[in-house]
Amino acid sequence: MKRSLPGLYNFYMEGGIAGSVMSGRNLLQIICKRDKRKFETSTP
């Protein structure tokens, strides 16, 4: 399933609350790849 809609550049659809954390992380990876940026994580 695509996560964006044609004509809406910065609009992304996500699923329900239960999977939001992993979906958000995956979405950020997609955005970083699109913008040719390195996806980095950090630990507190």
Protein backbone atom coordinates (compact mmCIF):
# COMPACT_ATOMS: atom_id res chain seq x y z
CA MET A 1 0.00 0.00 0.00
CA LYS A 2 1.33 3.42 -0.88
CA ARG A 3 1.72 5.84 2.00
CA SER A 4 1.32 9.04 0.03
CA LEU A 5 -1.28 10.65 -2.21
CA PRO A 6 -0.63 12.20 -5.63
CA GLY A 7 -0.41 15.99 -5.47
CA LEU A 8 0.21 16.12 -1.70
CA TYR A 9 3.99 16.33 -1.34
CA ASN A 10 4.37 16.10 2.44
CA PHE A 11 1.30 14.00 3.27
CA TYR A 12 1.83 10.45 4.53
CA MET A 13 -0.78 7.98 5.77
CA GLU A 14 -0.10 5.76 8.74
CA GLY A 15 -1.98 2.86 10.30
CA GLY A 16 -3.59 2.48 13.72
CA ILE A 17 -2.14 3.40 17.09
CA ALA A 18 -0.72 -0.06 17.86
CA GLY A 19 1.74 -0.04 14.97
CA SER A 20 2.41 3.69 14.93
CA VAL A 21 5.90 3.56 16.41
CA MET A 22 7.29 1.10 13.87
CA SER A 23 5.29 2.67 11.06
CA GLY A 24 6.69 6.09 11.97
CA ARG A 25 10.24 4.77 11.98
CA ASN A 26 9.73 3.10 8.60
CA LEU A 27 8.21 6.28 7.23
CA LEU A 28 11.21 8.31 8.38
CA GLN A 29 13.49 5.83 6.60
CA ILE A 30 11.48 6.32 3.39
CA ILE A 31 11.67 10.12 3.71
CA CYS A 32 15.43 10.02 4.35
CA LYS A 33 15.93 7.81 1.29
CA ARG A 34 13.80 10.14 -0.85
CA ASP A 35 15.79 13.16 0.35
CA LYS A 36 19.11 11.31 -0.06
CA ARG A 37 19.88 11.65 3.65
CA LYS A 38 21.34 9.04 5.96
CA PHE A 39 18.84 7.58 8.43
CA GLU A 40 20.44 7.62 11.87
CA THR A 41 19.18 6.54 15.26
CA SER A 42 20.45 7.37 18.72
CA THR A 43 20.12 5.90 22.17
CA PRO A 44 19.69 7.97 25.31
